[in-house]
Every structure is written in structure tokens, then in C-alpha cells.
Amino acid sequence: MANAESLPFKDASFDAYFSNLCLMHVHNHRNQLKECFRVLQPGARAAFSVWGRPERSAAFSLFYDCLKEVGGEQPHRLGFHLGEDPQILVNDMTQAGFT
């Protein structure tokens, strides 16, 4: 276990990196991308799974819809913030060093 935004590993420590449903929940996903790239060996691969857009993810958005319906307070940020514009995420990954 480690903080995805500040990994305790040396540069180029891994030949693969898999992040399951984490990227959309960290404080700053750009930090996680940079850390991922840093700990990967040249030519290594990374894989990330994230929630889709809210309108296509009823199982994940149902709770927030119900909360809103009864007047409950919405969380500061929902887990869908990475699905708003795919090009933004592509740019973030490129800036982190991925191709």
C-alpha cells in the first residue's frame, strides 16, 4: 500500500503499473500520473480503470442521485471528473511523459 501521488519506490522500479479505480479519486490525478511514469522502466506499460461518464454509469451515480433527491449534501468532487473531456486526460498523460 502506498500513496499513489507520492510513491515510496525508486525511479524505474517496475515493468508494469495497474491502477484500478483510483485515478479519479486521488487529490490530484496529475500527481499520480507523474509518479506512475517515474516508477516505470522505459518501455513499460501502465493501465488505469476509471468510472465512465455519469450518464453511462448508473450503478455508480445512483447513490448521488438519491442523495440529491433527499436533500443530502453532495461530496466535494464526484468520481466522474475524469470523464468530462477525454482530451484533457490525454494531455495530462502526455505532460506526465506517456506516449
PDB file of N, CA and C in Angstrom:
ATOM      1  N   MET A   1       0.842  -1.184   0.000  1.00  0.00           N
ATOM      2  CA  MET A   1       0.000   0.000   0.000  1.00  0.00           C
ATOM      3  C   MET A   1       0.881   1.240   0.000  1.00  0.00           C
ATOM      4  N   ALA A   2       0.462   2.211  -0.782  1.00  0.00           N
ATOM      5  CA  ALA A   2       1.238   3.449  -0.865  1.00  0.00           C
ATOM      6  C   ALA A   2       0.341   4.573  -1.369  1.00  0.00           C
ATOM      7  N   ASN A   3       0.763   5.785  -1.125  1.00  0.00           N
ATOM      8  CA  ASN A   3       0.071   6.957  -1.629  1.00  0.00           C
ATOM      9  C   ASN A   3       0.383   7.070  -3.119  1.00  0.00           C
ATOM     10  N   ALA A   4      -0.625   6.978  -3.957  1.00  0.00           N
ATOM     11  CA  ALA A   4      -0.431   6.991  -5.406  1.00  0.00           C
ATOM     12  C   ALA A   4       0.166   8.296  -5.910  1.00  0.00           C
ATOM     13  N   GLU A   5       0.069   9.363  -5.130  1.00  0.00           N
ATOM     14  CA  GLU A   5       0.617  10.653  -5.539  1.00  0.00           C
ATOM     15  C   GLU A   5       2.041  10.873  -5.053  1.00  0.00           C
ATOM     16  N   SER A   6       2.542   9.967  -4.245  1.00  0.00           N
ATOM     17  CA  SER A   6       3.901  10.082  -3.705  1.00  0.00           C
ATOM     18  C   SER A   6       4.404   8.673  -3.386  1.00  0.00           C
ATOM     19  N   LEU A   7       4.775   7.956  -4.417  1.00  0.00           N
ATOM     20  CA  LEU A   7       5.157   6.557  -4.248  1.00  0.00           C
ATOM     21  C   LEU A   7       6.532   6.416  -3.600  1.00  0.00           C
ATOM     22  N   PRO A   8       6.686   5.439  -2.700  1.00  0.00           N
ATOM     23  CA  PRO A   8       7.948   5.256  -1.980  1.00  0.00           C
ATOM     24  C   PRO A   8       8.941   4.350  -2.722  1.00  0.00           C
ATOM     25  N   PHE A   9       8.894   4.359  -4.046  1.00  0.00           N
ATOM     26  CA  PHE A   9       9.746   3.489  -4.830  1.00  0.00           C
ATOM     27  C   PHE A   9      10.753   4.303  -5.636  1.00  0.00           C
ATOM     28  N   LYS A  10      11.868   3.673  -5.956  1.00  0.00           N
ATOM     29  CA  LYS A  10      12.908   4.323  -6.767  1.00  0.00           C
ATOM     30  C   LYS A  10      12.419   4.479  -8.204  1.00  0.00           C
ATOM     31  N   ASP A  11      13.036   5.408  -8.903  1.00  0.00           N
ATOM     32  CA  ASP A  11      12.741   5.594 -10.321  1.00  0.00           C
ATOM     33  C   ASP A  11      12.958   4.274 -11.065  1.00  0.00           C
ATOM     34  N   ALA A  12      12.148   4.046 -12.073  1.00  0.00           N
ATOM     35  CA  ALA A  12      12.277   2.885 -12.962  1.00  0.00           C
ATOM     36  C   ALA A  12      12.286   1.554 -12.209  1.00  0.00           C
ATOM     37  N   SER A  13      11.437   1.431 -11.217  1.00  0.00           N
ATOM     38  CA  SER A  13      11.382   0.218 -10.398  1.00  0.00           C
ATOM     39  C   SER A  13      10.508  -0.885 -10.994  1.00  0.00           C
ATOM     40  N   PHE A  14       9.573  -0.547 -11.863  1.00  0.00           N
ATOM     41  CA  PHE A  14       8.568  -1.518 -12.298  1.00  0.00           C
ATOM     42  C   PHE A  14       8.476  -1.615 -13.814  1.00  0.00           C
ATOM     43  N   ASP A  15       8.088  -2.811 -14.277  1.00  0.00           N
ATOM     44  CA  ASP A  15       7.884  -3.005 -15.710  1.00  0.00           C
ATOM     45  C   ASP A  15       6.400  -2.939 -16.081  1.00  0.00           C
ATOM     46  N   ALA A  16       5.542  -2.743 -15.098  1.00  0.00           N
ATOM     47  CA  ALA A  16       4.109  -2.584 -15.337  1.00  0.00           C
ATOM     48  C   ALA A  16       3.486  -1.853 -14.141  1.00  0.00           C
ATOM     49  N   TYR A  17       2.374  -1.174 -14.404  1.00  0.00           N
ATOM     50  CA  TYR A  17       1.671  -0.414 -13.374  1.00  0.00           C
ATOM     51  C   TYR A  17       0.185  -0.529 -13.673  1.00  0.00           C
ATOM     52  N   PHE A  18      -0.583  -0.975 -12.705  1.00  0.00           N
ATOM     53  CA  PHE A  18      -2.032  -1.086 -12.864  1.00  0.00           C
ATOM     54  C   PHE A  18      -2.726  -0.357 -11.731  1.00  0.00           C
ATOM     55  N   SER A  19      -3.618   0.549 -12.079  1.00  0.00           N
ATOM     56  CA  SER A  19      -4.366   1.322 -11.092  1.00  0.00           C
ATOM     57  C   SER A  19      -5.849   1.093 -11.331  1.00  0.00           C
ATOM     58  N   ASN A  20      -6.480   0.396 -10.410  1.00  0.00           N
ATOM     59  CA  ASN A  20      -7.889   0.062 -10.550  1.00  0.00           C
ATOM     60  C   ASN A  20      -8.758   1.017  -9.746  1.00  0.00           C
ATOM     61  N   LEU A  21      -9.534   1.841 -10.434  1.00  0.00           N
ATOM     62  CA  LEU A  21     -10.500   2.758  -9.814  1.00  0.00           C
ATOM     63  C   LEU A  21      -9.874   3.661  -8.762  1.00  0.00           C
ATOM     64  N   CYS A  22      -8.723   4.196  -9.069  1.00  0.00           N
ATOM     65  CA  CYS A  22      -8.021   5.080  -8.145  1.00  0.00           C
ATOM     66  C   CYS A  22      -7.812   6.473  -8.736  1.00  0.00           C
ATOM     67  N   LEU A  23      -7.498   6.541 -10.007  1.00  0.00           N
ATOM     68  CA  LEU A  23      -7.106   7.798 -10.643  1.00  0.00           C
ATOM     69  C   LEU A  23      -8.142   8.901 -10.471  1.00  0.00           C
ATOM     70  N   MET A  24      -9.415   8.544 -10.451  1.00  0.00           N
ATOM     71  CA  MET A  24     -10.454   9.568 -10.345  1.00  0.00           C
ATOM     72  C   MET A  24     -10.748   9.969  -8.897  1.00  0.00           C
ATOM     73  N   HIS A  25     -10.076   9.323  -7.925  1.00  0.00           N
ATOM     74  CA  HIS A  25     -10.343   9.628  -6.519  1.00  0.00           C
ATOM     75  C   HIS A  25      -9.193  10.319  -5.789  1.00  0.00           C
ATOM     76  N   VAL A  26      -8.002  10.287  -6.347  1.00  0.00           N
ATOM     77  CA  VAL A  26      -6.873  10.933  -5.666  1.00  0.00           C
ATOM     78  C   VAL A  26      -7.070  12.445  -5.656  1.00  0.00           C
ATOM     79  N   HIS A  27      -6.358  13.113  -4.786  1.00  0.00           N
ATOM     80  CA  HIS A  27      -6.491  14.567  -4.672  1.00  0.00           C
ATOM     81  C   HIS A  27      -6.175  15.257  -6.000  1.00  0.00           C
ATOM     82  N   ASN A  28      -5.081  14.846  -6.632  1.00  0.00           N
ATOM     83  CA  ASN A  28      -4.678  15.436  -7.903  1.00  0.00           C
ATOM     84  C   ASN A  28      -4.208  14.312  -8.818  1.00  0.00           C
ATOM     85  N   HIS A  29      -5.019  13.951  -9.788  1.00  0.00           N
ATOM     86  CA  HIS A  29      -4.683  12.830 -10.665  1.00  0.00           C
ATOM     87  C   HIS A  29      -3.396  13.065 -11.454  1.00  0.00           C
ATOM     88  N   ARG A  30      -3.037  14.319 -11.684  1.00  0.00           N
ATOM     89  CA  ARG A  30      -1.785  14.608 -12.405  1.00  0.00           C
ATOM     90  C   ARG A  30      -0.564  14.146 -11.597  1.00  0.00           C
ATOM     91  N   ASN A  31      -0.648  14.267 -10.290  1.00  0.00           N
ATOM     92  CA  ASN A  31       0.446  13.779  -9.440  1.00  0.00           C
ATOM     93  C   ASN A  31       0.576  12.264  -9.553  1.00  0.00           C
ATOM     94  N   GLN A  32      -0.553  11.569  -9.583  1.00  0.00           N
ATOM     95  CA  GLN A  32      -0.493  10.115  -9.718  1.00  0.00           C
ATOM     96  C   GLN A  32       0.104   9.726 -11.068  1.00  0.00           C
ATOM     97  N   LEU A  33      -0.274  10.420 -12.126  1.00  0.00           N
ATOM     98  CA  LEU A  33       0.286  10.116 -13.444  1.00  0.00           C
ATOM     99  C   LEU A  33       1.796  10.325 -13.471  1.00  0.00           C
ATOM    100  N   LYS A  34       2.257  11.427 -12.888  1.00  0.00           N
ATOM    101  CA  LYS A  34       3.696  11.700 -12.839  1.00  0.00           C
ATOM    102  C   LYS A  34       4.445  10.638 -12.046  1.00  0.00           C
ATOM    103  N   GLU A  35       3.872  10.239 -10.918  1.00  0.00           N
ATOM    104  CA  GLU A  35       4.506   9.208 -10.089  1.00  0.00           C
ATOM    105  C   GLU A  35       4.522   7.864 -10.808  1.00  0.00           C
ATOM    106  N   CYS A  36       3.454   7.549 -11.482  1.00  0.00           N
ATOM    107  CA  CYS A  36       3.388   6.309 -12.249  1.00  0.00           C
ATOM    108  C   CYS A  36       4.501   6.296 -13.292  1.00  0.00           C
ATOM    109  N   PHE A  37       4.605   7.354 -14.049  1.00  0.00           N
ATOM    110  CA  PHE A  37       5.631   7.416 -15.091  1.00  0.00           C
ATOM    111  C   PHE A  37       7.030   7.324 -14.485  1.00  0.00           C
ATOM    112  N   ARG A  38       7.220   7.967 -13.358  1.00  0.00           N
ATOM    113  CA  ARG A  38       8.534   7.978 -12.704  1.00  0.00           C
ATOM    114  C   ARG A  38       8.986   6.584 -12.292  1.00  0.00           C
ATOM    115  N   VAL A  39       8.078   5.777 -11.763  1.00  0.00           N
ATOM    116  CA  VAL A  39       8.480   4.465 -11.254  1.00  0.00           C
ATOM    117  C   VAL A  39       8.507   3.378 -12.333  1.00  0.00           C
ATOM    118  N   LEU A  40       8.033   3.713 -13.536  1.00  0.00           N
ATOM    119  CA  LEU A  40       8.054   2.736 -14.625  1.00  0.00           C
ATOM    120  C   LEU A  40       9.397   2.750 -15.351  1.00  0.00           C
ATOM    121  N   GLN A  41       9.821   1.571 -15.759  1.00  0.00           N
ATOM    122  CA  GLN A  41      11.019   1.441 -16.579  1.00  0.00           C
ATOM    123  C   GLN A  41      10.693   1.925 -17.989  1.00  0.00           C
ATOM    124  N   PRO A  42      11.694   2.377 -18.731  1.00  0.00           N
ATOM    125  CA  PRO A  42      11.441   2.782 -20.118  1.00  0.00           C
ATOM    126  C   PRO A  42      10.774   1.649 -20.903  1.00  0.00           C
ATOM    127  N   GLY A  43       9.740   1.974 -21.643  1.00  0.00           N
ATOM    128  CA  GLY A  43       9.027   0.996 -22.435  1.00  0.00           C
ATOM    129  C   GLY A  43       7.977   0.205 -21.678  1.00  0.00           C
ATOM    130  N   ALA A  44       7.857   0.433 -20.386  1.00  0.00           N
ATOM    131  CA  ALA A  44       6.857  -0.279 -19.585  1.00  0.00           C
ATOM    132  C   ALA A  44       5.460   0.232 -19.919  1.00  0.00           C
ATOM    133  N   ARG A  45       4.471  -0.501 -19.472  1.00  0.00           N
ATOM    134  CA  ARG A  45       3.077  -0.126 -19.742  1.00  0.00           C
ATOM    135  C   ARG A  45       2.334   0.166 -18.445  1.00  0.00           C
ATOM    136  N   ALA A  46       1.377   1.080 -18.571  1.00  0.00           N
ATOM    137  CA  ALA A  46       0.508   1.415 -17.446  1.00  0.00           C
ATOM    138  C   ALA A  46      -0.937   1.198 -17.873  1.00  0.00           C
ATOM    139  N   ALA A  47      -1.772   0.798 -16.925  1.00  0.00           N
ATOM    140  CA  ALA A  47      -3.198   0.616 -17.186  1.00  0.00           C
ATOM    141  C   ALA A  47      -3.985   1.250 -16.051  1.00  0.00           C
ATOM    142  N   PHE A  48      -5.025   1.965 -16.409  1.00  0.00           N
ATOM    143  CA  PHE A  48      -5.882   2.633 -15.436  1.00  0.00           C
ATOM    144  C   PHE A  48      -7.331   2.294 -15.757  1.00  0.00           C
ATOM    145  N   SER A  49      -8.103   1.995 -14.743  1.00  0.00           N
ATOM    146  CA  SER A  49      -9.548   1.872 -14.937  1.00  0.00           C
ATOM    147  C   SER A  49     -10.199   3.001 -14.148  1.00  0.00           C
ATOM    148  N   VAL A  50     -11.172   3.639 -14.768  1.00  0.00           N
ATOM    149  CA  VAL A  50     -11.893   4.748 -14.136  1.00  0.00           C
ATOM    150  C   VAL A  50     -13.371   4.600 -14.447  1.00  0.00           C
ATOM    151  N   TRP A  51     -14.202   5.269 -13.661  1.00  0.00           N
ATOM    152  CA  TRP A  51     -15.628   5.297 -13.949  1.00  0.00           C
ATOM    153  C   TRP A  51     -15.830   6.011 -15.276  1.00  0.00           C
ATOM    154  N   GLY A  52     -16.919   5.681 -15.944  1.00  0.00           N
ATOM    155  CA  GLY A  52     -17.277   6.383 -17.168  1.00  0.00           C
ATOM    156  C   GLY A  52     -18.014   7.671 -16.847  1.00  0.00           C
ATOM    157  N   ARG A  53     -18.601   8.242 -17.857  1.00  0.00           N
ATOM    158  CA  ARG A  53     -19.392   9.459 -17.658  1.00  0.00           C
ATOM    159  C   ARG A  53     -20.630   9.121 -16.814  1.00  0.00           C
ATOM    160  N   PRO A  54     -21.121  10.055 -16.027  1.00  0.00           N
ATOM    161  CA  PRO A  54     -22.272   9.780 -15.144  1.00  0.00           C
ATOM    162  C   PRO A  54     -23.482   9.230 -15.892  1.00  0.00           C
ATOM    163  N   GLU A  55     -23.758   9.770 -17.064  1.00  0.00           N
ATOM    164  CA  GLU A  55     -24.934   9.326 -17.810  1.00  0.00           C
ATOM    165  C   GLU A  55     -24.799   7.894 -18.339  1.00  0.00           C
ATOM    166  N   ARG A  56     -23.600   7.350 -18.296  1.00  0.00           N
ATOM    167  CA  ARG A  56     -23.386   5.971 -18.753  1.00  0.00           C
ATOM    168  C   ARG A  56     -22.963   5.054 -17.610  1.00  0.00           C
ATOM    169  N   SER A  57     -23.071   5.525 -16.383  1.00  0.00           N
ATOM    170  CA  SER A  57     -22.631   4.752 -15.218  1.00  0.00           C
ATOM    171  C   SER A  57     -23.690   4.770 -14.123  1.00  0.00           C
ATOM    172  N   ALA A  58     -24.866   4.275 -14.441  1.00  0.00           N
ATOM    173  CA  ALA A  58     -25.991   4.340 -13.498  1.00  0.00           C
ATOM    174  C   ALA A  58     -25.674   3.669 -12.161  1.00  0.00           C
ATOM    175  N   ALA A  59     -24.934   2.598 -12.183  1.00  0.00           N
ATOM    176  CA  ALA A  59     -24.631   1.890 -10.933  1.00  0.00           C
ATOM    177  C   ALA A  59     -23.821   2.758  -9.976  1.00  0.00           C
ATOM    178  N   PHE A  60     -22.983   3.625 -10.513  1.00  0.00           N
ATOM    179  CA  PHE A  60     -22.160   4.482  -9.669  1.00  0.00           C
ATOM    180  C   PHE A  60     -22.853   5.803  -9.335  1.00  0.00           C
ATOM    181  N   SER A  61     -23.710   6.282 -10.224  1.00  0.00           N
ATOM    182  CA  SER A  61     -24.348   7.581  -9.995  1.00  0.00           C
ATOM    183  C   SER A  61     -25.653   7.486  -9.216  1.00  0.00           C
ATOM    184  N   LEU A  62     -26.205   6.287  -9.063  1.00  0.00           N
ATOM    185  CA  LEU A  62     -27.480   6.114  -8.368  1.00  0.00           C
ATOM    186  C   LEU A  62     -27.432   6.667  -6.944  1.00  0.00           C
ATOM    187  N   PHE A  63     -26.351   6.380  -6.218  1.00  0.00           N
ATOM    188  CA  PHE A  63     -26.223   6.867  -4.849  1.00  0.00           C
ATOM    189  C   PHE A  63     -26.275   8.396  -4.799  1.00  0.00           C
ATOM    190  N   TYR A  64     -25.537   9.048  -5.689  1.00  0.00           N
ATOM    191  CA  TYR A  64     -25.502  10.509  -5.688  1.00  0.00           C
ATOM    192  C   TYR A  64     -26.856  11.089  -6.103  1.00  0.00           C
ATOM    193  N   ASP A  65     -27.536  10.430  -7.032  1.00  0.00           N
ATOM    194  CA  ASP A  65     -28.873  10.876  -7.433  1.00  0.00           C
ATOM    195  C   ASP A  65     -29.843  10.785  -6.256  1.00  0.00           C
ATOM    196  N   CYS A  66     -29.797   9.688  -5.514  1.00  0.00           N
ATOM    197  CA  CYS A  66     -30.673   9.514  -4.344  1.00  0.00           C
ATOM    198  C   CYS A  66     -30.342  10.532  -3.254  1.00  0.00           C
ATOM    199  N   LEU A  67     -29.082  10.752  -3.030  1.00  0.00           N
ATOM    200  CA  LEU A  67     -28.648  11.724  -2.027  1.00  0.00           C
ATOM    201  C   LEU A  67     -29.167  13.117  -2.363  1.00  0.00           C
ATOM    202  N   LYS A  68     -29.063  13.475  -3.623  1.00  0.00           N
ATOM    203  CA  LYS A  68     -29.552  14.782  -4.071  1.00  0.00           C
ATOM    204  C   LYS A  68     -31.074  14.880  -3.900  1.00  0.00           C
ATOM    205  N   GLU A  69     -31.779  13.801  -4.208  1.00  0.00           N
ATOM    206  CA  GLU A  69     -33.240  13.768  -4.127  1.00  0.00           C
ATOM    207  C   GLU A  69     -33.747  14.030  -2.710  1.00  0.00           C
ATOM    208  N   VAL A  70     -33.040  13.545  -1.704  1.00  0.00           N
ATOM    209  CA  VAL A  70     -33.480  13.730  -0.320  1.00  0.00           C
ATOM    210  C   VAL A  70     -32.841  14.957   0.334  1.00  0.00           C
ATOM    211  N   GLY A  71     -32.132  15.761  -0.458  1.00  0.00           N
ATOM    212  CA  GLY A  71     -31.553  16.990   0.064  1.00  0.00           C
ATOM    213  C   GLY A  71     -30.235  16.804   0.783  1.00  0.00           C
ATOM    214  N   GLY A  72     -29.603  15.669   0.583  1.00  0.00           N
ATOM    215  CA  GLY A  72     -28.302  15.421   1.204  1.00  0.00           C
ATOM    216  C   GLY A  72     -27.198  16.224   0.541  1.00  0.00           C
ATOM    217  N   GLU A  73     -26.133  16.404   1.259  1.00  0.00           N
ATOM    218  CA  GLU A  73     -25.006  17.179   0.743  1.00  0.00           C
ATOM    219  C   GLU A  73     -24.155  16.318  -0.181  1.00  0.00           C
ATOM    220  N   GLN A  74     -23.888  16.835  -1.363  1.00  0.00           N
ATOM    221  CA  GLN A  74     -23.055  16.123  -2.336  1.00  0.00           C
ATOM    222  C   GLN A  74     -21.586  16.220  -1.923  1.00  0.00           C
ATOM    223  N   PRO A  75     -20.820  15.184  -2.194  1.00  0.00           N
ATOM    224  CA  PRO A  75     -19.373  15.271  -1.929  1.00  0.00           C
ATOM    225  C   PRO A  75     -18.759  16.414  -2.735  1.00  0.00           C
ATOM    226  N   HIS A  76     -17.606  16.885  -2.284  1.00  0.00           N
ATOM    227  CA  HIS A  76     -16.926  17.993  -2.964  1.00  0.00           C
ATOM    228  C   HIS A  76     -16.664  17.656  -4.427  1.00  0.00           C
ATOM    229  N   ARG A  77     -16.220  16.443  -4.672  1.00  0.00           N
ATOM    230  CA  ARG A  77     -15.914  16.035  -6.039  1.00  0.00           C
ATOM    231  C   ARG A  77     -16.388  14.605  -6.229  1.00  0.00           C
ATOM    232  N   LEU A  78     -17.143  14.385  -7.268  1.00  0.00           N
ATOM    233  CA  LEU A  78     -17.590  13.042  -7.582  1.00  0.00           C
ATOM    234  C   LEU A  78     -16.498  12.323  -8.370  1.00  0.00           C
ATOM    235  N   GLY A  79     -16.595  11.014  -8.463  1.00  0.00           N
ATOM    236  CA  GLY A  79     -15.585  10.232  -9.153  1.00  0.00           C
ATOM    237  C   GLY A  79     -15.634  10.315 -10.658  1.00  0.00           C
ATOM    238  N   PHE A  80     -16.449  11.200 -11.209  1.00  0.00           N
ATOM    239  CA  PHE A  80     -16.600  11.285 -12.657  1.00  0.00           C
ATOM    240  C   PHE A  80     -15.785  12.407 -13.276  1.00  0.00           C
ATOM    241  N   HIS A  81     -14.975  13.087 -12.507  1.00  0.00           N
ATOM    242  CA  HIS A  81     -14.319  14.285 -13.023  1.00  0.00           C
ATOM    243  C   HIS A  81     -13.354  14.007 -14.170  1.00  0.00           C
ATOM    244  N   LEU A  82     -12.924  12.767 -14.374  1.00  0.00           N
ATOM    245  CA  LEU A  82     -12.007  12.467 -15.467  1.00  0.00           C
ATOM    246  C   LEU A  82     -12.735  12.179 -16.770  1.00  0.00           C
ATOM    247  N   GLY A  83     -14.040  12.022 -16.732  1.00  0.00           N
ATOM    248  CA  GLY A  83     -14.776  11.671 -17.930  1.00  0.00           C
ATOM    249  C   GLY A  83     -15.389  12.843 -18.659  1.00  0.00           C
ATOM    250  N   GLU A  84     -15.179  14.048 -18.162  1.00  0.00           N
ATOM    251  CA  GLU A  84     -15.828  15.202 -18.763  1.00  0.00           C
ATOM    252  C   GLU A  84     -15.293  15.522 -20.154  1.00  0.00           C
ATOM    253  N   ASP A  85     -13.999  15.416 -20.348  1.00  0.00           N
ATOM    254  CA  ASP A  85     -13.392  15.686 -21.646  1.00  0.00           C
ATOM    255  C   ASP A  85     -12.182  14.778 -21.786  1.00  0.00           C
ATOM    256  N   PRO A  86     -12.297  13.719 -22.579  1.00  0.00           N
ATOM    257  CA  PRO A  86     -11.191  12.765 -22.704  1.00  0.00           C
ATOM    258  C   PRO A  86      -9.880  13.399 -23.151  1.00  0.00           C
ATOM    259  N   GLN A  87      -9.938  14.454 -23.929  1.00  0.00           N
ATOM    260  CA  GLN A  87      -8.707  15.082 -24.420  1.00  0.00           C
ATOM    261  C   GLN A  87      -7.901  15.698 -23.277  1.00  0.00           C
ATOM    262  N   ILE A  88      -8.574  16.159 -22.234  1.00  0.00           N
ATOM    263  CA  ILE A  88      -7.863  16.704 -21.083  1.00  0.00           C
ATOM    264  C   ILE A  88      -7.000  15.622 -20.445  1.00  0.00           C
ATOM    265  N   LEU A  89      -7.557  14.438 -20.289  1.00  0.00           N
ATOM    266  CA  LEU A  89      -6.798  13.334 -19.702  1.00  0.00           C
ATOM    267  C   LEU A  89      -5.640  12.917 -20.608  1.00  0.00           C
ATOM    268  N   VAL A  90      -5.869  12.907 -21.912  1.00  0.00           N
ATOM    269  CA  VAL A  90      -4.787  12.599 -22.856  1.00  0.00           C
ATOM    270  C   VAL A  90      -3.662  13.617 -22.694  1.00  0.00           C
ATOM    271  N   ASN A  91      -4.006  14.885 -22.596  1.00  0.00           N
ATOM    272  CA  ASN A  91      -2.997  15.940 -22.409  1.00  0.00           C
ATOM    273  C   ASN A  91      -2.261  15.766 -21.083  1.00  0.00           C
ATOM    274  N   ASP A  92      -2.990  15.436 -20.028  1.00  0.00           N
ATOM    275  CA  ASP A  92      -2.368  15.230 -18.715  1.00  0.00           C
ATOM    276  C   ASP A  92      -1.377  14.074 -18.772  1.00  0.00           C
ATOM    277  N   MET A  93      -1.741  13.016 -19.476  1.00  0.00           N
ATOM    278  CA  MET A  93      -0.851  11.856 -19.579  1.00  0.00           C
ATOM    279  C   MET A  93       0.392  12.196 -20.400  1.00  0.00           C
ATOM    280  N   THR A  94       0.209  12.945 -21.456  1.00  0.00           N
ATOM    281  CA  THR A  94       1.334  13.366 -22.288  1.00  0.00           C
ATOM    282  C   THR A  94       2.299  14.237 -21.482  1.00  0.00           C
ATOM    283  N   GLN A  95       1.750  15.156 -20.703  1.00  0.00           N
ATOM    284  CA  GLN A  95       2.584  16.027 -19.882  1.00  0.00           C
ATOM    285  C   GLN A  95       3.344  15.243 -18.824  1.00  0.00           C
ATOM    286  N   ALA A  96       2.792  14.112 -18.386  1.00  0.00           N
ATOM    287  CA  ALA A  96       3.464  13.272 -17.393  1.00  0.00           C
ATOM    288  C   ALA A  96       4.598  12.459 -18.027  1.00  0.00           C
ATOM    289  N   GLY A  97       4.584  12.366 -19.373  1.00  0.00           N
ATOM    290  CA  GLY A  97       5.651  11.671 -20.068  1.00  0.00           C
ATOM    291  C   GLY A  97       5.205  10.481 -20.903  1.00  0.00           C
ATOM    292  N   PHE A  98       3.930  10.107 -20.821  1.00  0.00           N
ATOM    293  CA  PHE A  98       3.435   8.955 -21.569  1.00  0.00           C
ATOM    294  C   PHE A  98       3.307   9.277 -23.056  1.00  0.00           C
ATOM    295  N   THR A  99       3.415   8.235 -23.879  1.00  0.00           N
ATOM    296  CA  THR A  99       3.203   8.390 -25.316  1.00  0.00           C
ATOM    297  C   THR A  99       2.098   7.458 -25.753  1.00  0.00           C
TER     298      THR A  99
END
